[in-house]
Amino acid sequence: MRKMLLPLFLLSVAPATGGAAENNIRPGLWEVTTTSMLLALVPQIPPDQMQQLTNLAKQYGLEMPQVQNGAATSRVCITQQMADEKIPSYFHQNQMGCSVKNAIRTENSYTMDLVCTNPQLKGSGRAEGTFTTPESFSGWTIFKGTVQDRPVNEHADTSGRWINASCETVKPSR
């Protein structure tokens, strides 16, 4: 269970954080909250196994977000260059061996397909979202495939809000 949790957890937390408003998103520090059935299982993981998951996430260059009540909250740094991109594929590419296909932006909304070919994470999904302002968005991600050869069918809802022009100690995702 814990071995299949991390790759799917990272996929559900990271991908839906992208989006672009017609006036571009505001660069700086963002707080992103993701909810899913998978995240609701996190409290059942013993502390020593959670530490192993945290260490594994660090190997991928990721910080494990705070998880409470089935929701993961993380901070994301968006540089000016990232904010200027029409399609925010930087949140999706190379994430656990996933790539973005068929990315489309229409005004303040985006859609993109995800294809994952990592030996531990295989399958496909879709991310959709809308920026209501350059400082807030909401969206969702679905994924169907296998995690360590076990079938999964996951849905995650995501929302984000801009916090500060300075990223403080949070580094950009690329």
N, C-alpha and C. Protein backbone atom coordinates (compact mmCIF):
# COMPACT_ATOMS: atom_id res chain seq x y z
N MET A 1 0.82 -1.19 0.00
CA MET A 1 0.00 0.00 0.00
C MET A 1 0.87 1.25 0.00
N ARG A 2 1.84 1.33 0.93
CA ARG A 2 2.64 2.54 1.01
C ARG A 2 3.50 2.72 -0.23
N LYS A 3 3.93 1.60 -0.86
CA LYS A 3 4.75 1.72 -2.05
C LYS A 3 3.96 2.29 -3.21
N MET A 4 2.68 1.96 -3.31
CA MET A 4 1.90 2.50 -4.41
C MET A 4 1.36 3.87 -4.09
N LEU A 5 1.36 4.25 -2.82
CA LEU A 5 0.80 5.53 -2.42
C LEU A 5 1.64 6.70 -2.90
N LEU A 6 2.95 6.66 -2.77
CA LEU A 6 3.77 7.82 -3.11
C LEU A 6 3.68 8.22 -4.57
N PRO A 7 3.89 7.31 -5.54
CA PRO A 7 3.82 7.79 -6.93
C PRO A 7 2.46 8.38 -7.27
N LEU A 8 1.39 7.75 -6.83
CA LEU A 8 0.07 8.27 -7.13
C LEU A 8 -0.19 9.55 -6.35
N PHE A 9 0.30 9.62 -5.13
CA PHE A 9 0.16 10.81 -4.29
C PHE A 9 0.84 11.99 -4.97
N LEU A 10 2.06 11.79 -5.44
CA LEU A 10 2.80 12.87 -6.10
C LEU A 10 2.11 13.29 -7.39
N LEU A 11 1.54 12.32 -8.11
CA LEU A 11 0.83 12.64 -9.33
C LEU A 11 -0.42 13.44 -9.01
N SER A 12 -1.14 13.07 -7.96
CA SER A 12 -2.38 13.78 -7.64
C SER A 12 -2.12 15.16 -7.08
N VAL A 13 -1.03 15.37 -6.40
CA VAL A 13 -0.74 16.68 -5.82
C VAL A 13 -0.16 17.62 -6.86
N ALA A 14 0.82 17.22 -7.62
CA ALA A 14 1.52 18.14 -8.50
C ALA A 14 0.78 18.55 -9.77
N PRO A 15 0.11 17.65 -10.46
CA PRO A 15 -0.36 18.02 -11.77
C PRO A 15 -1.42 19.09 -11.83
N ALA A 16 -2.35 19.11 -10.98
CA ALA A 16 -3.47 20.03 -11.15
C ALA A 16 -3.14 21.45 -10.72
N THR A 17 -1.92 21.72 -10.38
CA THR A 17 -1.59 23.05 -9.92
C THR A 17 -1.40 24.05 -11.04
N GLY A 18 -1.42 23.63 -12.29
CA GLY A 18 -1.20 24.55 -13.38
C GLY A 18 -2.47 25.24 -13.83
N GLY A 19 -2.32 26.24 -14.63
CA GLY A 19 -3.44 26.98 -15.18
C GLY A 19 -2.93 28.32 -15.64
N ALA A 20 -3.66 28.97 -16.51
CA ALA A 20 -3.18 30.27 -16.95
C ALA A 20 -4.37 31.16 -17.27
N ALA A 21 -4.39 32.30 -16.71
CA ALA A 21 -5.43 33.27 -17.02
C ALA A 21 -5.02 34.05 -18.26
N GLU A 22 -5.97 34.69 -18.89
CA GLU A 22 -5.67 35.48 -20.07
C GLU A 22 -4.60 36.52 -19.76
N ASN A 23 -4.61 37.06 -18.57
CA ASN A 23 -3.60 38.04 -18.17
C ASN A 23 -2.42 37.39 -17.45
N ASN A 24 -2.25 36.11 -17.61
CA ASN A 24 -1.18 35.35 -16.97
C ASN A 24 -1.36 35.29 -15.45
N ILE A 25 -0.86 34.24 -14.89
CA ILE A 25 -0.94 34.10 -13.44
C ILE A 25 0.10 34.99 -12.79
N ARG A 26 -0.14 35.33 -11.58
CA ARG A 26 0.77 36.21 -10.85
C ARG A 26 1.97 35.42 -10.37
N PRO A 27 3.19 35.85 -10.68
CA PRO A 27 4.36 35.13 -10.18
C PRO A 27 4.51 35.31 -8.67
N GLY A 28 5.17 34.36 -8.06
CA GLY A 28 5.42 34.43 -6.63
C GLY A 28 5.03 33.13 -5.94
N LEU A 29 4.76 33.22 -4.66
CA LEU A 29 4.46 32.05 -3.84
C LEU A 29 2.96 31.75 -3.87
N TRP A 30 2.63 30.52 -4.17
CA TRP A 30 1.25 30.05 -4.23
C TRP A 30 1.04 28.94 -3.20
N GLU A 31 -0.14 28.90 -2.61
CA GLU A 31 -0.55 27.79 -1.76
C GLU A 31 -1.54 26.95 -2.55
N VAL A 32 -1.25 25.65 -2.68
CA VAL A 32 -2.07 24.75 -3.48
C VAL A 32 -2.61 23.66 -2.57
N THR A 33 -3.93 23.44 -2.63
CA THR A 33 -4.58 22.41 -1.81
C THR A 33 -5.22 21.39 -2.73
N THR A 34 -4.92 20.12 -2.49
CA THR A 34 -5.47 19.02 -3.27
C THR A 34 -6.20 18.07 -2.35
N THR A 35 -7.40 17.66 -2.74
CA THR A 35 -8.16 16.67 -1.98
C THR A 35 -8.42 15.45 -2.86
N SER A 36 -8.38 14.27 -2.24
CA SER A 36 -8.67 13.03 -2.97
C SER A 36 -8.91 11.90 -1.98
N MET A 37 -9.49 10.82 -2.48
CA MET A 37 -9.69 9.63 -1.66
C MET A 37 -8.35 9.07 -1.22
N LEU A 38 -7.37 9.14 -2.09
CA LEU A 38 -6.02 8.64 -1.78
C LEU A 38 -5.43 9.39 -0.59
N LEU A 39 -5.59 10.69 -0.59
CA LEU A 39 -5.03 11.49 0.51
C LEU A 39 -5.74 11.19 1.83
N ALA A 40 -6.98 10.75 1.77
CA ALA A 40 -7.70 10.39 2.99
C ALA A 40 -7.07 9.19 3.68
N LEU A 41 -6.27 8.40 2.96
CA LEU A 41 -5.62 7.22 3.53
C LEU A 41 -4.32 7.54 4.27
N VAL A 42 -3.79 8.74 4.08
CA VAL A 42 -2.50 9.09 4.66
C VAL A 42 -2.45 8.91 6.18
N PRO A 43 -3.49 9.26 6.96
CA PRO A 43 -3.41 9.07 8.42
C PRO A 43 -3.23 7.61 8.85
N GLN A 44 -3.53 6.68 7.96
CA GLN A 44 -3.39 5.26 8.29
C GLN A 44 -1.95 4.77 8.14
N ILE A 45 -1.08 5.60 7.60
CA ILE A 45 0.31 5.20 7.39
C ILE A 45 1.08 5.40 8.69
N PRO A 46 1.74 4.35 9.19
CA PRO A 46 2.53 4.49 10.42
C PRO A 46 3.64 5.53 10.24
N PRO A 47 4.03 6.23 11.34
CA PRO A 47 5.03 7.30 11.25
C PRO A 47 6.35 6.87 10.59
N ASP A 48 6.83 5.67 10.88
CA ASP A 48 8.10 5.24 10.28
C ASP A 48 7.96 5.06 8.76
N GLN A 49 6.81 4.57 8.30
CA GLN A 49 6.60 4.42 6.86
C GLN A 49 6.38 5.79 6.20
N MET A 50 5.76 6.72 6.92
CA MET A 50 5.59 8.07 6.39
C MET A 50 6.93 8.74 6.20
N GLN A 51 7.85 8.49 7.13
CA GLN A 51 9.20 9.05 7.00
C GLN A 51 9.90 8.47 5.78
N GLN A 52 9.69 7.18 5.51
CA GLN A 52 10.26 6.57 4.31
C GLN A 52 9.69 7.22 3.05
N LEU A 53 8.38 7.49 3.04
CA LEU A 53 7.76 8.16 1.90
C LEU A 53 8.33 9.56 1.72
N THR A 54 8.52 10.27 2.83
CA THR A 54 9.09 11.62 2.78
C THR A 54 10.50 11.58 2.20
N ASN A 55 11.29 10.61 2.63
CA ASN A 55 12.65 10.47 2.10
C ASN A 55 12.65 10.14 0.62
N LEU A 56 11.71 9.29 0.19
CA LEU A 56 11.60 8.94 -1.22
C LEU A 56 11.21 10.16 -2.05
N ALA A 57 10.28 10.96 -1.54
CA ALA A 57 9.89 12.19 -2.25
C ALA A 57 11.10 13.10 -2.43
N LYS A 58 11.93 13.22 -1.39
CA LYS A 58 13.11 14.06 -1.49
C LYS A 58 14.07 13.58 -2.56
N GLN A 59 14.12 12.25 -2.79
CA GLN A 59 14.97 11.71 -3.85
C GLN A 59 14.52 12.22 -5.22
N TYR A 60 13.23 12.50 -5.37
CA TYR A 60 12.69 13.05 -6.61
C TYR A 60 12.75 14.58 -6.61
N GLY A 61 13.34 15.17 -5.57
CA GLY A 61 13.45 16.61 -5.48
C GLY A 61 12.17 17.30 -5.04
N LEU A 62 11.30 16.55 -4.36
CA LEU A 62 10.02 17.09 -3.93
C LEU A 62 9.92 17.12 -2.41
N GLU A 63 9.20 18.10 -1.92
CA GLU A 63 8.90 18.16 -0.49
C GLU A 63 7.53 17.57 -0.27
N MET A 64 7.38 16.74 0.74
CA MET A 64 6.09 16.15 1.05
C MET A 64 5.19 17.24 1.64
N PRO A 65 4.03 17.47 1.02
CA PRO A 65 3.15 18.51 1.55
C PRO A 65 2.49 18.09 2.85
N GLN A 66 1.98 19.08 3.57
CA GLN A 66 1.24 18.80 4.79
C GLN A 66 -0.09 18.17 4.39
N VAL A 67 -0.48 17.05 5.05
CA VAL A 67 -1.73 16.37 4.74
C VAL A 67 -2.60 16.32 5.99
N GLN A 68 -3.82 16.85 5.87
CA GLN A 68 -4.79 16.81 6.96
C GLN A 68 -6.18 16.66 6.38
N ASN A 69 -6.99 15.80 6.99
CA ASN A 69 -8.40 15.64 6.60
C ASN A 69 -8.58 15.37 5.10
N GLY A 70 -7.73 14.53 4.53
CA GLY A 70 -7.86 14.17 3.12
C GLY A 70 -7.40 15.24 2.15
N ALA A 71 -6.69 16.25 2.65
CA ALA A 71 -6.21 17.33 1.78
C ALA A 71 -4.71 17.55 1.97
N ALA A 72 -4.01 17.73 0.88
CA ALA A 72 -2.58 18.05 0.92
C ALA A 72 -2.42 19.52 0.57
N THR A 73 -1.67 20.23 1.39
CA THR A 73 -1.40 21.63 1.14
C THR A 73 0.09 21.81 0.93
N SER A 74 0.44 22.44 -0.17
CA SER A 74 1.86 22.67 -0.47
C SER A 74 2.03 24.09 -0.96
N ARG A 75 3.27 24.52 -1.00
CA ARG A 75 3.62 25.85 -1.51
C ARG A 75 4.42 25.66 -2.78
N VAL A 76 4.10 26.48 -3.77
CA VAL A 76 4.71 26.37 -5.08
C VAL A 76 5.22 27.75 -5.49
N CYS A 77 6.45 27.80 -5.98
CA CYS A 77 7.03 29.05 -6.45
C CYS A 77 6.87 29.14 -7.97
N ILE A 78 6.26 30.22 -8.43
CA ILE A 78 6.07 30.48 -9.86
C ILE A 78 6.94 31.67 -10.24
N THR A 79 7.91 31.43 -11.12
CA THR A 79 8.77 32.52 -11.59
C THR A 79 8.03 33.34 -12.64
N GLN A 80 8.55 34.50 -12.99
CA GLN A 80 7.95 35.32 -14.04
C GLN A 80 7.92 34.56 -15.35
N GLN A 81 9.01 33.86 -15.68
CA GLN A 81 9.07 33.09 -16.92
C GLN A 81 7.97 32.02 -16.95
N MET A 82 7.76 31.34 -15.84
CA MET A 82 6.71 30.32 -15.77
C MET A 82 5.33 30.96 -15.91
N ALA A 83 5.12 32.09 -15.25
CA ALA A 83 3.83 32.77 -15.31
C ALA A 83 3.51 33.25 -16.72
N ASP A 84 4.53 33.57 -17.52
CA ASP A 84 4.32 34.07 -18.87
C ASP A 84 3.97 32.98 -19.88
N GLU A 85 4.17 31.71 -19.53
CA GLU A 85 3.88 30.62 -20.46
C GLU A 85 2.38 30.49 -20.70
N LYS A 86 2.01 30.25 -21.95
CA LYS A 86 0.60 30.11 -22.30
C LYS A 86 0.01 28.84 -21.70
N ILE A 87 0.72 27.73 -21.79
CA ILE A 87 0.27 26.45 -21.23
C ILE A 87 1.22 26.09 -20.09
N PRO A 88 0.71 25.87 -18.89
CA PRO A 88 1.58 25.61 -17.74
C PRO A 88 2.01 24.15 -17.63
N SER A 89 2.64 23.64 -18.67
CA SER A 89 3.03 22.23 -18.67
C SER A 89 4.17 21.92 -17.71
N TYR A 90 4.84 22.94 -17.17
CA TYR A 90 5.95 22.72 -16.25
C TYR A 90 5.54 21.96 -14.99
N PHE A 91 4.27 21.98 -14.63
CA PHE A 91 3.83 21.23 -13.46
C PHE A 91 3.69 19.75 -13.77
N HIS A 92 3.62 19.38 -15.03
CA HIS A 92 3.29 18.03 -15.42
C HIS A 92 4.44 17.25 -16.04
N GLN A 93 5.25 17.89 -16.84
CA GLN A 93 6.32 17.18 -17.53
C GLN A 93 7.36 16.68 -16.54
N ASN A 94 7.83 15.49 -16.80
CA ASN A 94 8.86 14.83 -16.00
C ASN A 94 8.42 14.55 -14.56
N GLN A 95 7.14 14.64 -14.28
CA GLN A 95 6.64 14.35 -12.94
C GLN A 95 6.40 12.85 -12.86
N MET A 96 7.29 12.13 -12.22
CA MET A 96 7.17 10.68 -12.09
C MET A 96 7.08 10.00 -13.45
N GLY A 97 7.78 10.53 -14.46
CA GLY A 97 7.78 9.93 -15.78
C GLY A 97 6.56 10.27 -16.61
N CYS A 98 5.84 11.33 -16.25
CA CYS A 98 4.64 11.72 -16.98
C CYS A 98 4.95 12.84 -17.97
N SER A 99 4.21 12.87 -19.06
CA SER A 99 4.35 13.95 -20.03
C SER A 99 2.96 14.50 -20.34
N VAL A 100 2.94 15.71 -20.89
CA VAL A 100 1.70 16.40 -21.23
C VAL A 100 1.45 16.25 -22.73
N LYS A 101 0.21 15.97 -23.08
CA LYS A 101 -0.20 15.88 -24.48
C LYS A 101 -1.47 16.71 -24.65
N ASN A 102 -1.73 17.19 -25.85
CA ASN A 102 -2.98 17.86 -26.19
C ASN A 102 -3.33 19.01 -25.24
N ALA A 103 -2.36 19.80 -24.86
CA ALA A 103 -2.61 20.92 -23.95
C ALA A 103 -3.29 22.06 -24.71
N ILE A 104 -4.40 22.53 -24.15
CA ILE A 104 -5.17 23.60 -24.78
C ILE A 104 -5.54 24.63 -23.72
N ARG A 105 -5.40 25.90 -24.09
CA ARG A 105 -5.86 26.99 -23.23
C ARG A 105 -6.90 27.80 -23.98
N THR A 106 -8.02 28.03 -23.32
CA THR A 106 -9.08 28.87 -23.87
C THR A 106 -9.41 29.91 -22.82
N GLU A 107 -9.05 31.16 -23.10
CA GLU A 107 -9.24 32.25 -22.15
C GLU A 107 -8.61 31.89 -20.80
N ASN A 108 -9.41 31.73 -19.74
CA ASN A 108 -8.87 31.47 -18.41
C ASN A 108 -8.85 29.99 -18.04
N SER A 109 -9.18 29.11 -18.97
CA SER A 109 -9.26 27.68 -18.67
C SER A 109 -8.20 26.90 -19.44
N TYR A 110 -7.86 25.74 -18.93
CA TYR A 110 -6.91 24.86 -19.59
C TYR A 110 -7.39 23.42 -19.49
N THR A 111 -6.96 22.60 -20.44
CA THR A 111 -7.13 21.14 -20.39
C THR A 111 -5.84 20.54 -20.90
N MET A 112 -5.48 19.40 -20.38
CA MET A 112 -4.31 18.68 -20.87
C MET A 112 -4.43 17.21 -20.52
N ASP A 113 -3.90 16.37 -21.38
CA ASP A 113 -3.85 14.94 -21.13
C ASP A 113 -2.49 14.61 -20.55
N LEU A 114 -2.47 13.64 -19.64
CA LEU A 114 -1.23 13.18 -19.02
C LEU A 114 -0.98 11.74 -19.44
N VAL A 115 0.26 11.45 -19.79
CA VAL A 115 0.65 10.09 -20.14
C VAL A 115 1.86 9.74 -19.29
N CYS A 116 1.74 8.67 -18.48
CA CYS A 116 2.80 8.27 -17.57
C CYS A 116 3.37 6.93 -17.99
N THR A 117 4.70 6.87 -18.15
CA THR A 117 5.35 5.66 -18.62
C THR A 117 6.46 5.19 -17.70
N ASN A 118 6.48 5.71 -16.47
CA ASN A 118 7.47 5.29 -15.48
C ASN A 118 7.23 3.83 -15.14
N PRO A 119 8.29 3.02 -14.91
CA PRO A 119 8.07 1.62 -14.55
C PRO A 119 7.15 1.44 -13.32
N GLN A 120 7.15 2.41 -12.41
CA GLN A 120 6.29 2.29 -11.24
C GLN A 120 4.93 2.93 -11.44
N LEU A 121 4.78 3.80 -12.43
CA LEU A 121 3.53 4.53 -12.66
C LEU A 121 3.23 4.55 -14.15
N LYS A 122 2.21 3.80 -14.55
CA LYS A 122 1.83 3.73 -15.96
C LYS A 122 0.35 4.03 -16.09
N GLY A 123 0.02 4.81 -17.10
CA GLY A 123 -1.39 5.10 -17.35
C GLY A 123 -1.57 6.46 -17.95
N SER A 124 -2.81 6.91 -17.92
CA SER A 124 -3.12 8.21 -18.50
C SER A 124 -4.15 8.92 -17.65
N GLY A 125 -4.22 10.21 -17.89
CA GLY A 125 -5.16 11.02 -17.13
C GLY A 125 -5.44 12.32 -17.84
N ARG A 126 -6.17 13.15 -17.15
CA ARG A 126 -6.54 14.45 -17.70
C ARG A 126 -6.54 15.46 -16.57
N ALA A 127 -6.09 16.67 -16.87
CA ALA A 127 -6.14 17.77 -15.90
C ALA A 127 -6.92 18.91 -16.55
N GLU A 128 -7.81 19.50 -15.78
CA GLU A 128 -8.57 20.66 -16.24
C GLU A 128 -8.64 21.67 -15.11
N GLY A 129 -8.68 22.93 -15.48
CA GLY A 129 -8.78 23.95 -14.45
C GLY A 129 -9.12 25.31 -15.02
N THR A 130 -9.44 26.23 -14.11
CA THR A 130 -9.80 27.58 -14.48
C THR A 130 -9.22 28.56 -13.47
N PHE A 131 -8.65 29.63 -13.99
CA PHE A 131 -8.22 30.73 -13.12
C PHE A 131 -9.38 31.71 -13.04
N THR A 132 -9.87 31.95 -11.83
CA THR A 132 -10.94 32.92 -11.65
C THR A 132 -10.36 34.33 -11.63
N THR A 133 -9.11 34.45 -11.19
CA THR A 133 -8.35 35.70 -11.23
C THR A 133 -6.89 35.31 -11.44
N PRO A 134 -5.99 36.26 -11.69
CA PRO A 134 -4.57 35.91 -11.77
C PRO A 134 -4.01 35.42 -10.42
N GLU A 135 -4.81 35.47 -9.37
CA GLU A 135 -4.36 35.05 -8.03
C GLU A 135 -5.12 33.88 -7.45
N SER A 136 -5.98 33.21 -8.23
CA SER A 136 -6.67 32.03 -7.71
C SER A 136 -7.13 31.12 -8.85
N PHE A 137 -7.17 29.82 -8.58
CA PHE A 137 -7.63 28.84 -9.56
C PHE A 137 -8.25 27.64 -8.86
N SER A 138 -8.97 26.85 -9.64
CA SER A 138 -9.47 25.56 -9.18
C SER A 138 -9.46 24.61 -10.36
N GLY A 139 -9.36 23.33 -10.07
CA GLY A 139 -9.32 22.35 -11.14
C GLY A 139 -9.38 20.94 -10.59
N TRP A 140 -9.18 19.99 -11.48
CA TRP A 140 -9.18 18.59 -11.09
C TRP A 140 -8.27 17.79 -12.01
N THR A 141 -7.89 16.61 -11.52
CA THR A 141 -7.08 15.67 -12.28
C THR A 141 -7.67 14.28 -12.10
N ILE A 142 -7.74 13.52 -13.19
CA ILE A 142 -8.12 12.12 -13.08
C ILE A 142 -6.95 11.29 -13.61
N PHE A 143 -6.80 10.10 -13.10
CA PHE A 143 -5.73 9.20 -13.55
C PHE A 143 -6.22 7.77 -13.47
N LYS A 144 -6.00 7.01 -14.54
CA LYS A 144 -6.33 5.59 -14.56
C LYS A 144 -5.14 4.85 -15.12
N GLY A 145 -4.69 3.84 -14.39
CA GLY A 145 -3.54 3.08 -14.83
C GLY A 145 -3.11 2.12 -13.75
N THR A 146 -1.80 1.96 -13.62
CA THR A 146 -1.25 1.07 -12.60
C THR A 146 -0.14 1.78 -11.84
N VAL A 147 -0.07 1.48 -10.56
CA VAL A 147 1.02 1.93 -9.71
C VAL A 147 1.65 0.66 -9.17
N GLN A 148 2.90 0.43 -9.54
CA GLN A 148 3.60 -0.80 -9.19
C GLN A 148 2.74 -2.01 -9.52
N ASP A 149 2.21 -2.02 -10.75
CA ASP A 149 1.39 -3.10 -11.32
C ASP A 149 0.06 -3.33 -10.61
N ARG A 150 -0.37 -2.38 -9.78
CA ARG A 150 -1.70 -2.47 -9.15
C ARG A 150 -2.61 -1.44 -9.80
N PRO A 151 -3.82 -1.84 -10.18
CA PRO A 151 -4.72 -0.91 -10.85
C PRO A 151 -5.16 0.24 -9.94
N VAL A 152 -5.25 1.44 -10.51
CA VAL A 152 -5.73 2.62 -9.78
C VAL A 152 -6.67 3.41 -10.69
N ASN A 153 -7.60 4.10 -10.06
CA ASN A 153 -8.51 4.99 -10.75
C ASN A 153 -8.73 6.14 -9.77
N GLU A 154 -7.99 7.24 -9.94
CA GLU A 154 -7.95 8.31 -8.93
C GLU A 154 -8.48 9.62 -9.50
N HIS A 155 -9.17 10.36 -8.65
CA HIS A 155 -9.66 11.71 -8.96
C HIS A 155 -9.17 12.64 -7.85
N ALA A 156 -8.64 13.79 -8.22
CA ALA A 156 -8.19 14.78 -7.23
C ALA A 156 -8.72 16.15 -7.62
N ASP A 157 -9.21 16.88 -6.64
CA ASP A 157 -9.64 18.27 -6.83
C ASP A 157 -8.55 19.18 -6.27
N THR A 158 -8.30 20.29 -6.97
CA THR A 158 -7.22 21.18 -6.56
C THR A 158 -7.68 22.64 -6.61
N SER A 159 -7.19 23.41 -5.67
CA SER A 159 -7.42 24.86 -5.70
C SER A 159 -6.12 25.53 -5.29
N GLY A 160 -5.95 26.75 -5.73
CA GLY A 160 -4.73 27.48 -5.39
C GLY A 160 -4.99 28.95 -5.21
N ARG A 161 -4.14 29.56 -4.41
CA ARG A 161 -4.23 31.00 -4.19
C ARG A 161 -2.83 31.57 -4.07
N TRP A 162 -2.66 32.76 -4.63
CA TRP A 162 -1.40 33.47 -4.56
C TRP A 162 -1.24 34.01 -3.14
N ILE A 163 -0.02 33.91 -2.59
CA ILE A 163 0.23 34.34 -1.21
C ILE A 163 1.12 35.57 -1.15
N ASN A 164 2.20 35.57 -1.94
CA ASN A 164 3.22 36.59 -1.76
C ASN A 164 4.04 36.74 -3.04
N ALA A 165 4.55 37.91 -3.31
CA ALA A 165 5.42 38.13 -4.47
C ALA A 165 6.76 37.43 -4.30
N SER A 166 7.20 37.24 -3.06
CA SER A 166 8.45 36.56 -2.77
C SER A 166 8.21 35.09 -2.51
N CYS A 167 9.04 34.25 -3.08
CA CYS A 167 8.91 32.81 -2.86
C CYS A 167 9.55 32.36 -1.55
N GLU A 168 10.15 33.27 -0.83
CA GLU A 168 10.80 32.94 0.44
C GLU A 168 11.81 31.82 0.21
N THR A 169 11.66 30.69 0.86
CA THR A 169 12.63 29.59 0.72
C THR A 169 12.17 28.51 -0.24
N VAL A 170 11.00 28.68 -0.87
CA VAL A 170 10.48 27.69 -1.80
C VAL A 170 11.12 27.92 -3.18
N LYS A 171 11.69 26.84 -3.75
CA LYS A 171 12.35 26.94 -5.03
C LYS A 171 11.38 26.64 -6.16
N PRO A 172 11.56 27.24 -7.35
CA PRO A 172 10.71 26.92 -8.49
C PRO A 172 10.78 25.42 -8.81
N SER A 173 9.71 24.91 -9.44
CA SER A 173 9.63 23.47 -9.71
C SER A 173 10.50 23.00 -10.84
N ARG A 174 11.27 23.88 -11.48
CA ARG A 174 12.19 23.39 -12.50
C ARG A 174 13.52 24.06 -12.41
